Amino acid sequence: MLIDTHCHLDFPDFAEERDQIIERARDAGVRQIVTISTRVRKLPDLLAITDRYDNVFCSVGTHPNNADEELDVTAADLVRLSAHPKIVAIGEAGLDYFYDTQKPADQKAGLLQHIEAARQTGLPLVIHSRSADEDMAAILTEETARGAFPFILHCFSSGAELARVGVALGGYVSFSGILTFPKSEELREIAATVPLDRLLVETDAPYLAPKRWRGKRNEPSYVVNTAEVLAQTMGISEAEMGDITTENAYRIFTKLPRI
């Protein structure tokens, strides 16, 4: 059994065959899926999807590349919305300096609201961090000192120091199809340093299809290839990796029902 801890089932890429995608995931052993919010104002669309499928859950939050659209969203708003039984996480929020579409100050302001919501609810904060390792490590360190909160460094492709800091502060590290790419030797070396009890797998679908399906639109069933490569990297069996990452998902996503 596997859990795809991060995808985007509300994106237009999936609109025409969402039923089939969910069925293919079940057939591949992916028993639960967390579809991640990128705009709080589009939360109704996500909840409509979770209502349709009993094995699909979601988060609530604002992606850093949309930060300026939702600067009015407060921690209190996120806490209130997260009471919905199908919402199991806060985010994704964070810092993205790669695209340079949003002011760093706006991204940080949004991130701090999400951190406070995670702190108050105990739900994990799904963190997007790209080309922002130093600032992200500093924020996580400073905010944890003010009060611990659960978090996941999602779709990890950053440097070894951010992984080290994240784990030291109690966070989890989630790997996507990037881990499987031939040129990702350094990332696999970093993955090998992460404790087994802090590992997660995801697709970030529709993006970043793993090596076996490279060039295709990604989907939750493809997380099996990432889990296979992660198992090889850690020197354990695929079955063990499935058990480990599933147990880790249940530990961090405390509202996700065990099946």
C-alpha atoms as a PDB file:
ATOM      1  CA  MET A   1       0.000   0.000   0.000  1.00  0.00           C
ATOM      2  CA  LEU A   2       1.108   3.530  -0.806  1.00  0.00           C
ATOM      3  CA  ILE A   3      -0.280   6.999  -0.179  1.00  0.00           C
ATOM      4  CA  ASP A   4       0.206   9.815  -2.672  1.00  0.00           C
ATOM      5  CA  THR A   5       0.660  12.627  -0.184  1.00  0.00           C
ATOM      6  CA  HIS A   6       0.675  15.455  -2.719  1.00  0.00           C
ATOM      7  CA  CYS A   7      -1.043  15.962  -6.054  1.00  0.00           C
ATOM      8  CA  HIS A   8      -3.462  18.407  -7.676  1.00  0.00           C
ATOM      9  CA  LEU A   9      -6.584  16.585  -8.787  1.00  0.00           C
ATOM     10  CA  ASP A  10      -8.453  19.869  -9.294  1.00  0.00           C
ATOM     11  CA  PHE A  11      -6.155  20.944 -12.131  1.00  0.00           C
ATOM     12  CA  PRO A  12      -7.678  20.945 -15.643  1.00  0.00           C
ATOM     13  CA  ASP A  13      -5.286  18.170 -16.723  1.00  0.00           C
ATOM     14  CA  PHE A  14      -7.475  15.652 -14.878  1.00  0.00           C
ATOM     15  CA  ALA A  15     -10.960  16.986 -15.581  1.00  0.00           C
ATOM     16  CA  GLU A  16     -11.880  14.531 -18.332  1.00  0.00           C
ATOM     17  CA  GLU A  17     -10.893  11.271 -16.648  1.00  0.00           C
ATOM     18  CA  ARG A  18     -10.741  11.770 -12.908  1.00  0.00           C
ATOM     19  CA  ASP A  19     -12.729   8.583 -12.212  1.00  0.00           C
ATOM     20  CA  GLN A  20     -10.295   6.504 -14.241  1.00  0.00           C
ATOM     21  CA  ILE A  21      -7.293   8.129 -12.569  1.00  0.00           C
ATOM     22  CA  ILE A  22      -8.618   7.268  -9.112  1.00  0.00           C
ATOM     23  CA  GLU A  23      -9.304   3.713 -10.247  1.00  0.00           C
ATOM     24  CA  ARG A  24      -5.814   3.309 -11.713  1.00  0.00           C
ATOM     25  CA  ALA A  25      -4.360   4.496  -8.422  1.00  0.00           C
ATOM     26  CA  ARG A  26      -6.365   1.873  -6.504  1.00  0.00           C
ATOM     27  CA  ASP A  27      -5.226  -0.824  -8.930  1.00  0.00           C
ATOM     28  CA  ALA A  28      -1.603   0.206  -8.418  1.00  0.00           C
ATOM     29  CA  GLY A  29      -1.913  -0.066  -4.637  1.00  0.00           C
ATOM     30  CA  VAL A  30      -2.221   3.664  -4.006  1.00  0.00           C
ATOM     31  CA  ARG A  31      -5.069   3.493  -1.553  1.00  0.00           C
ATOM     32  CA  GLN A  32      -5.304   7.135  -0.429  1.00  0.00           C
ATOM     33  CA  ILE A  33      -4.569  10.472  -2.080  1.00  0.00           C
ATOM     34  CA  VAL A  34      -4.116  13.979  -0.707  1.00  0.00           C
ATOM     35  CA  THR A  35      -4.910  16.675  -3.262  1.00  0.00           C
ATOM     36  CA  ILE A  36      -3.286  19.968  -2.329  1.00  0.00           C
ATOM     37  CA  SER A  37      -4.728  23.458  -2.259  1.00  0.00           C
ATOM     38  CA  THR A  38      -3.029  26.279  -4.144  1.00  0.00           C
ATOM     39  CA  ARG A  39      -5.685  28.947  -3.555  1.00  0.00           C
ATOM     40  CA  VAL A  40      -7.984  29.164  -0.559  1.00  0.00           C
ATOM     41  CA  ARG A  41     -10.685  30.726  -2.731  1.00  0.00           C
ATOM     42  CA  LYS A  42     -10.781  27.566  -4.827  1.00  0.00           C
ATOM     43  CA  LEU A  43     -11.277  25.307  -1.817  1.00  0.00           C
ATOM     44  CA  PRO A  44     -14.884  24.483  -2.816  1.00  0.00           C
ATOM     45  CA  ASP A  45     -13.551  22.817  -5.970  1.00  0.00           C
ATOM     46  CA  LEU A  46     -11.226  20.627  -3.919  1.00  0.00           C
ATOM     47  CA  LEU A  47     -13.913  19.702  -1.424  1.00  0.00           C
ATOM     48  CA  ALA A  48     -16.239  18.710  -4.261  1.00  0.00           C
ATOM     49  CA  ILE A  49     -13.591  16.214  -5.401  1.00  0.00           C
ATOM     50  CA  THR A  50     -13.077  14.815  -1.909  1.00  0.00           C
ATOM     51  CA  ASP A  51     -16.831  14.423  -1.530  1.00  0.00           C
ATOM     52  CA  ARG A  52     -16.916  12.298  -4.689  1.00  0.00           C
ATOM     53  CA  TYR A  53     -14.169   9.859  -3.628  1.00  0.00           C
ATOM     54  CA  ASP A  54     -13.934   8.300  -0.178  1.00  0.00           C
ATOM     55  CA  ASN A  55     -10.155   7.811  -0.456  1.00  0.00           C
ATOM     56  CA  VAL A  56      -9.304  11.398  -1.469  1.00  0.00           C
ATOM     57  CA  PHE A  57      -8.530  14.137   1.044  1.00  0.00           C
ATOM     58  CA  CYS A  58      -7.229  17.683   0.713  1.00  0.00           C
ATOM     59  CA  SER A  59      -5.458  20.639   2.303  1.00  0.00           C
ATOM     60  CA  VAL A  60      -6.272  24.339   2.544  1.00  0.00           C
ATOM     61  CA  GLY A  61      -3.776  27.047   1.690  1.00  0.00           C
ATOM     62  CA  THR A  62      -2.155  29.437  -0.754  1.00  0.00           C
ATOM     63  CA  HIS A  63       0.778  28.505  -2.990  1.00  0.00           C
ATOM     64  CA  PRO A  64       3.630  31.045  -2.756  1.00  0.00           C
ATOM     65  CA  ASN A  65       3.296  31.809  -6.466  1.00  0.00           C
ATOM     66  CA  ASN A  66      -0.238  33.007  -5.694  1.00  0.00           C
ATOM     67  CA  ALA A  67       0.701  34.859  -2.521  1.00  0.00           C
ATOM     68  CA  ASP A  68      -0.393  38.338  -3.596  1.00  0.00           C
ATOM     69  CA  GLU A  69      -3.898  37.083  -4.429  1.00  0.00           C
ATOM     70  CA  GLU A  70      -4.663  36.010  -0.868  1.00  0.00           C
ATOM     71  CA  LEU A  71      -2.773  38.293   1.498  1.00  0.00           C
ATOM     72  CA  ASP A  72      -6.065  38.810   3.328  1.00  0.00           C
ATOM     73  CA  VAL A  73      -6.259  35.125   4.301  1.00  0.00           C
ATOM     74  CA  THR A  74      -5.407  34.893   7.990  1.00  0.00           C
ATOM     75  CA  ALA A  75      -4.355  32.049  10.249  1.00  0.00           C
ATOM     76  CA  ALA A  76      -7.814  32.235  11.807  1.00  0.00           C
ATOM     77  CA  ASP A  77      -9.391  31.713   8.387  1.00  0.00           C
ATOM     78  CA  LEU A  78      -7.233  28.657   7.765  1.00  0.00           C
ATOM     79  CA  VAL A  79      -7.986  27.235  11.201  1.00  0.00           C
ATOM     80  CA  ARG A  80     -11.722  27.689  10.689  1.00  0.00           C
ATOM     81  CA  LEU A  81     -11.721  26.100   7.229  1.00  0.00           C
ATOM     82  CA  SER A  82      -9.510  23.207   8.302  1.00  0.00           C
ATOM     83  CA  ALA A  83     -12.233  21.905  10.611  1.00  0.00           C
ATOM     84  CA  HIS A  84     -13.810  20.191   7.585  1.00  0.00           C
ATOM     85  CA  PRO A  85     -13.381  16.411   8.030  1.00  0.00           C
ATOM     86  CA  LYS A  86     -11.792  15.945   4.597  1.00  0.00           C
ATOM     87  CA  ILE A  87      -9.105  18.632   5.169  1.00  0.00           C
ATOM     88  CA  VAL A  88      -6.003  16.943   6.569  1.00  0.00           C
ATOM     89  CA  ALA A  89      -3.279  19.566   6.048  1.00  0.00           C
ATOM     90  CA  ILE A  90      -2.438  23.264   5.766  1.00  0.00           C
ATOM     91  CA  GLY A  91      -0.827  24.649   2.609  1.00  0.00           C
ATOM     92  CA  GLU A  92       0.877  24.415   0.323  1.00  0.00           C
ATOM     93  CA  ALA A  93       2.687  27.579   1.335  1.00  0.00           C
ATOM     94  CA  GLY A  94       6.299  28.630   1.290  1.00  0.00           C
ATOM     95  CA  LEU A  95       8.923  30.464  -0.711  1.00  0.00           C
ATOM     96  CA  ASP A  96       9.626  30.268  -4.439  1.00  0.00           C
ATOM     97  CA  TYR A  97      12.446  32.476  -5.681  1.00  0.00           C
ATOM     98  CA  PHE A  98      12.913  30.484  -8.882  1.00  0.00           C
ATOM     99  CA  TYR A  99      10.038  32.027 -10.817  1.00  0.00           C
ATOM    100  CA  ASP A 100      10.327  35.449  -9.156  1.00  0.00           C
ATOM    101  CA  THR A 101       6.632  36.192  -9.735  1.00  0.00           C
ATOM    102  CA  GLN A 102       5.854  37.254  -6.172  1.00  0.00           C
ATOM    103  CA  LYS A 103       7.525  39.577  -3.707  1.00  0.00           C
ATOM    104  CA  PRO A 104       9.512  37.650  -1.094  1.00  0.00           C
ATOM    105  CA  ALA A 105       7.852  39.739   1.617  1.00  0.00           C
ATOM    106  CA  ASP A 106       4.380  38.663   0.426  1.00  0.00           C
ATOM    107  CA  GLN A 107       5.430  35.019   0.290  1.00  0.00           C
ATOM    108  CA  LYS A 108       6.876  35.205   3.802  1.00  0.00           C
ATOM    109  CA  ALA A 109       3.782  36.945   5.167  1.00  0.00           C
ATOM    110  CA  GLY A 110       1.590  34.175   3.782  1.00  0.00           C
ATOM    111  CA  LEU A 111       3.917  31.473   5.035  1.00  0.00           C
ATOM    112  CA  LEU A 112       3.813  32.861   8.580  1.00  0.00           C
ATOM    113  CA  GLN A 113       0.002  32.769   8.582  1.00  0.00           C
ATOM    114  CA  HIS A 114       0.104  29.143   7.458  1.00  0.00           C
ATOM    115  CA  ILE A 115       2.686  28.272  10.112  1.00  0.00           C
ATOM    116  CA  GLU A 116       0.447  29.719  12.806  1.00  0.00           C
ATOM    117  CA  ALA A 117      -2.510  27.732  11.476  1.00  0.00           C
ATOM    118  CA  ALA A 118      -0.462  24.524  11.556  1.00  0.00           C
ATOM    119  CA  ARG A 119       0.674  25.355  15.079  1.00  0.00           C
ATOM    120  CA  GLN A 120      -2.885  25.911  16.284  1.00  0.00           C
ATOM    121  CA  THR A 121      -4.489  22.918  14.547  1.00  0.00           C
ATOM    122  CA  GLY A 122      -1.692  20.365  14.716  1.00  0.00           C
ATOM    123  CA  LEU A 123      -2.239  19.675  11.026  1.00  0.00           C
ATOM    124  CA  PRO A 124       0.926  19.380   8.934  1.00  0.00           C
ATOM    125  CA  LEU A 125       2.044  22.383   6.929  1.00  0.00           C
ATOM    126  CA  VAL A 126       2.891  21.373   3.356  1.00  0.00           C
ATOM    127  CA  ILE A 127       5.913  23.509   2.473  1.00  0.00           C
ATOM    128  CA  HIS A 128       6.923  24.551  -1.036  1.00  0.00           C
ATOM    129  CA  SER A 129      10.542  25.713  -1.110  1.00  0.00           C
ATOM    130  CA  ARG A 130      12.386  26.429  -4.340  1.00  0.00           C
ATOM    131  CA  SER A 131      15.664  28.327  -4.691  1.00  0.00           C
ATOM    132  CA  ALA A 132      15.104  29.634  -1.164  1.00  0.00           C
ATOM    133  CA  ASP A 133      17.036  27.235   1.071  1.00  0.00           C
ATOM    134  CA  GLU A 134      18.669  29.762   3.397  1.00  0.00           C
ATOM    135  CA  ASP A 135      15.552  31.832   3.998  1.00  0.00           C
ATOM    136  CA  MET A 136      13.394  28.749   4.492  1.00  0.00           C
ATOM    137  CA  ALA A 137      15.807  27.190   6.973  1.00  0.00           C
ATOM    138  CA  ALA A 138      15.951  30.462   8.908  1.00  0.00           C
ATOM    139  CA  ILE A 139      12.151  30.824   9.036  1.00  0.00           C
ATOM    140  CA  LEU A 140      11.622  27.222  10.112  1.00  0.00           C
ATOM    141  CA  THR A 141      14.255  27.565  12.831  1.00  0.00           C
ATOM    142  CA  GLU A 142      12.893  30.862  14.132  1.00  0.00           C
ATOM    143  CA  GLU A 143       9.253  29.769  14.058  1.00  0.00           C
ATOM    144  CA  THR A 144       9.898  26.392  15.676  1.00  0.00           C
ATOM    145  CA  ALA A 145      11.610  28.243  18.520  1.00  0.00           C
ATOM    146  CA  ARG A 146       8.355  30.179  19.018  1.00  0.00           C
ATOM    147  CA  GLY A 147       6.316  26.975  19.122  1.00  0.00           C
ATOM    148  CA  ALA A 148       6.648  23.677  17.315  1.00  0.00           C
ATOM    149  CA  PHE A 149       4.400  22.800  14.383  1.00  0.00           C
ATOM    150  CA  PRO A 150       4.282  19.750  12.089  1.00  0.00           C
ATOM    151  CA  PHE A 151       5.564  20.254   8.550  1.00  0.00           C
ATOM    152  CA  ILE A 152       6.525  18.498   5.340  1.00  0.00           C
ATOM    153  CA  LEU A 153       9.221  19.654   2.911  1.00  0.00           C
ATOM    154  CA  HIS A 154       7.273  18.615  -0.165  1.00  0.00           C
ATOM    155  CA  CYS A 155       8.715  17.603  -3.554  1.00  0.00           C
ATOM    156  CA  PHE A 156      12.157  17.902  -2.048  1.00  0.00           C
ATOM    157  CA  SER A 157      14.818  19.028  -4.511  1.00  0.00           C
ATOM    158  CA  SER A 158      16.761  21.415  -2.293  1.00  0.00           C
ATOM    159  CA  GLY A 159      20.199  21.089  -0.757  1.00  0.00           C
ATOM    160  CA  ALA A 160      21.438  18.815   1.996  1.00  0.00           C
ATOM    161  CA  GLU A 161      21.431  21.559   4.621  1.00  0.00           C
ATOM    162  CA  LEU A 162      17.706  22.276   4.308  1.00  0.00           C
ATOM    163  CA  ALA A 163      16.970  18.544   4.613  1.00  0.00           C
ATOM    164  CA  ARG A 164      19.163  18.392   7.712  1.00  0.00           C
ATOM    165  CA  VAL A 165      17.516  21.416   9.308  1.00  0.00           C
ATOM    166  CA  GLY A 166      14.038  20.178   8.456  1.00  0.00           C
ATOM    167  CA  VAL A 167      14.633  16.774  10.037  1.00  0.00           C
ATOM    168  CA  ALA A 168      16.333  18.314  13.090  1.00  0.00           C
ATOM    169  CA  LEU A 169      13.261  20.488  13.664  1.00  0.00           C
ATOM    170  CA  GLY A 170      10.931  17.482  13.476  1.00  0.00           C
ATOM    171  CA  GLY A 171       9.850  17.792   9.855  1.00  0.00           C
ATOM    172  CA  TYR A 172       9.261  15.162   7.186  1.00  0.00           C
ATOM    173  CA  VAL A 173      10.833  15.070   3.714  1.00  0.00           C
ATOM    174  CA  SER A 174       8.716  14.061   0.744  1.00  0.00           C
ATOM    175  CA  PHE A 175      10.188  12.874  -2.544  1.00  0.00           C
ATOM    176  CA  SER A 176       8.579  13.081  -5.976  1.00  0.00           C
ATOM    177  CA  GLY A 177       9.443  11.741  -9.413  1.00  0.00           C
ATOM    178  CA  ILE A 178      12.486  14.019  -9.471  1.00  0.00           C
ATOM    179  CA  LEU A 179      14.205  11.400  -7.312  1.00  0.00           C
ATOM    180  CA  THR A 180      14.050   8.922 -10.205  1.00  0.00           C
ATOM    181  CA  PHE A 181      15.654  11.117 -12.863  1.00  0.00           C
ATOM    182  CA  PRO A 182      19.059   9.925 -14.119  1.00  0.00           C
ATOM    183  CA  LYS A 183      20.693  13.247 -13.246  1.00  0.00           C
ATOM    184  CA  SER A 184      19.367  13.243  -9.657  1.00  0.00           C
ATOM    185  CA  GLU A 185      22.346  11.434  -8.105  1.00  0.00           C
ATOM    186  CA  GLU A 186      22.894  14.232  -5.582  1.00  0.00           C
ATOM    187  CA  LEU A 187      19.237  14.187  -4.559  1.00  0.00           C
ATOM    188  CA  ARG A 188      19.381  10.427  -4.010  1.00  0.00           C
ATOM    189  CA  GLU A 189      22.471  10.945  -1.846  1.00  0.00           C
ATOM    190  CA  ILE A 190      20.518  13.447   0.248  1.00  0.00           C
ATOM    191  CA  ALA A 191      17.545  11.075   0.474  1.00  0.00           C
ATOM    192  CA  ALA A 192      19.837   8.382   1.843  1.00  0.00           C
ATOM    193  CA  THR A 193      20.605  10.626   4.836  1.00  0.00           C
ATOM    194  CA  VAL A 194      16.962  11.102   5.828  1.00  0.00           C
ATOM    195  CA  PRO A 195      15.821   8.843   8.680  1.00  0.00           C
ATOM    196  CA  LEU A 196      13.379   6.171   7.560  1.00  0.00           C
ATOM    197  CA  ASP A 197      10.704   7.499   9.902  1.00  0.00           C
ATOM    198  CA  ARG A 198      10.708  10.905   8.153  1.00  0.00           C
ATOM    199  CA  LEU A 199      10.260   9.777   4.538  1.00  0.00           C
ATOM    200  CA  LEU A 200       7.179  10.367   2.389  1.00  0.00           C
ATOM    201  CA  VAL A 201       6.421   9.851  -1.301  1.00  0.00           C
ATOM    202  CA  GLU A 202       4.267  11.926  -3.626  1.00  0.00           C
ATOM    203  CA  THR A 203       3.658  12.669  -7.281  1.00  0.00           C
ATOM    204  CA  ASP A 204       2.961  16.432  -7.382  1.00  0.00           C
ATOM    205  CA  ALA A 205       0.805  15.353 -10.336  1.00  0.00           C
ATOM    206  CA  PRO A 206       0.164  16.452 -13.014  1.00  0.00           C
ATOM    207  CA  TYR A 207       3.823  17.508 -12.940  1.00  0.00           C
ATOM    208  CA  LEU A 208       7.113  15.587 -12.701  1.00  0.00           C
ATOM    209  CA  ALA A 209       6.237  12.093 -13.897  1.00  0.00           C
ATOM    210  CA  PRO A 210       8.906   9.656 -12.662  1.00  0.00           C
ATOM    211  CA  LYS A 211      11.425   8.064 -14.972  1.00  0.00           C
ATOM    212  CA  ARG A 212       9.254   5.125 -16.044  1.00  0.00           C
ATOM    213  CA  TRP A 213       6.644   7.542 -17.412  1.00  0.00           C
ATOM    214  CA  ARG A 214       8.877  10.521 -18.160  1.00  0.00           C
ATOM    215  CA  GLY A 215       7.316  12.890 -20.676  1.00  0.00           C
ATOM    216  CA  LYS A 216       3.755  11.894 -19.812  1.00  0.00           C
ATOM    217  CA  ARG A 217       1.281  13.697 -17.609  1.00  0.00           C
ATOM    218  CA  ASN A 218       1.851  12.495 -14.069  1.00  0.00           C
ATOM    219  CA  GLU A 219      -0.897  10.874 -11.998  1.00  0.00           C
ATOM    220  CA  PRO A 220      -1.181   9.315  -8.504  1.00  0.00           C
ATOM    221  CA  SER A 221      -0.635   5.715  -9.650  1.00  0.00           C
ATOM    222  CA  TYR A 222       2.863   6.665 -10.788  1.00  0.00           C
ATOM    223  CA  VAL A 223       4.038   7.192  -7.202  1.00  0.00           C
ATOM    224  CA  VAL A 224       4.950   3.499  -7.231  1.00  0.00           C
ATOM    225  CA  ASN A 225       8.049   4.241  -9.331  1.00  0.00           C
ATOM    226  CA  THR A 226       9.237   6.905  -6.896  1.00  0.00           C
ATOM    227  CA  ALA A 227       8.751   4.483  -4.005  1.00  0.00           C
ATOM    228  CA  GLU A 228      10.739   1.827  -5.876  1.00  0.00           C
ATOM    229  CA  VAL A 229      13.691   4.158  -6.429  1.00  0.00           C
ATOM    230  CA  LEU A 230      13.519   5.421  -2.855  1.00  0.00           C
ATOM    231  CA  ALA A 231      13.606   1.816  -1.625  1.00  0.00           C
ATOM    232  CA  GLN A 232      16.679   1.130  -3.755  1.00  0.00           C
ATOM    233  CA  THR A 233      18.302   4.302  -2.435  1.00  0.00           C
ATOM    234  CA  MET A 234      17.685   3.286   1.175  1.00  0.00           C
ATOM    235  CA  GLY A 235      18.686  -0.332   0.610  1.00  0.00           C
ATOM    236  CA  ILE A 236      15.361  -1.872   1.593  1.00  0.00           C
ATOM    237  CA  SER A 237      12.611  -3.739  -0.226  1.00  0.00           C
ATOM    238  CA  GLU A 238       9.758  -2.053  -2.034  1.00  0.00           C
ATOM    239  CA  ALA A 239       7.290  -3.661   0.375  1.00  0.00           C
ATOM    240  CA  GLU A 240       9.195  -2.243   3.345  1.00  0.00           C
ATOM    241  CA  MET A 241       9.220   1.199   1.762  1.00  0.00           C
ATOM    242  CA  GLY A 242       5.475   0.988   1.220  1.00  0.00           C
ATOM    243  CA  ASP A 243       4.932   0.090   4.859  1.00  0.00           C
ATOM    244  CA  ILE A 244       7.309   2.778   6.110  1.00  0.00           C
ATOM    245  CA  THR A 245       6.003   5.664   4.034  1.00  0.00           C
ATOM    246  CA  THR A 246       2.391   4.715   4.727  1.00  0.00           C
ATOM    247  CA  GLU A 247       2.988   4.608   8.472  1.00  0.00           C
ATOM    248  CA  ASN A 248       4.835   7.930   8.266  1.00  0.00           C
ATOM    249  CA  ALA A 249       1.912   9.461   6.365  1.00  0.00           C
ATOM    250  CA  TYR A 250      -0.528   8.374   9.049  1.00  0.00           C
ATOM    251  CA  ARG A 251       1.754   9.777  11.751  1.00  0.00           C
ATOM    252  CA  ILE A 252       2.045  13.245  10.194  1.00  0.00           C
ATOM    253  CA  PHE A 253      -1.456  13.435   8.650  1.00  0.00           C
ATOM    254  CA  THR A 254      -3.243  12.813  11.935  1.00  0.00           C
ATOM    255  CA  LYS A 255      -6.736  13.288  10.419  1.00  0.00           C
ATOM    256  CA  LEU A 256      -6.155  10.772   7.631  1.00  0.00           C
ATOM    257  CA  PRO A 257      -8.184   7.647   8.472  1.00  0.00           C
ATOM    258  CA  ARG A 258      -6.295   4.381   8.548  1.00  0.00           C
ATOM    259  CA  ILE A 259      -7.485   1.729   6.151  1.00  0.00           C
END
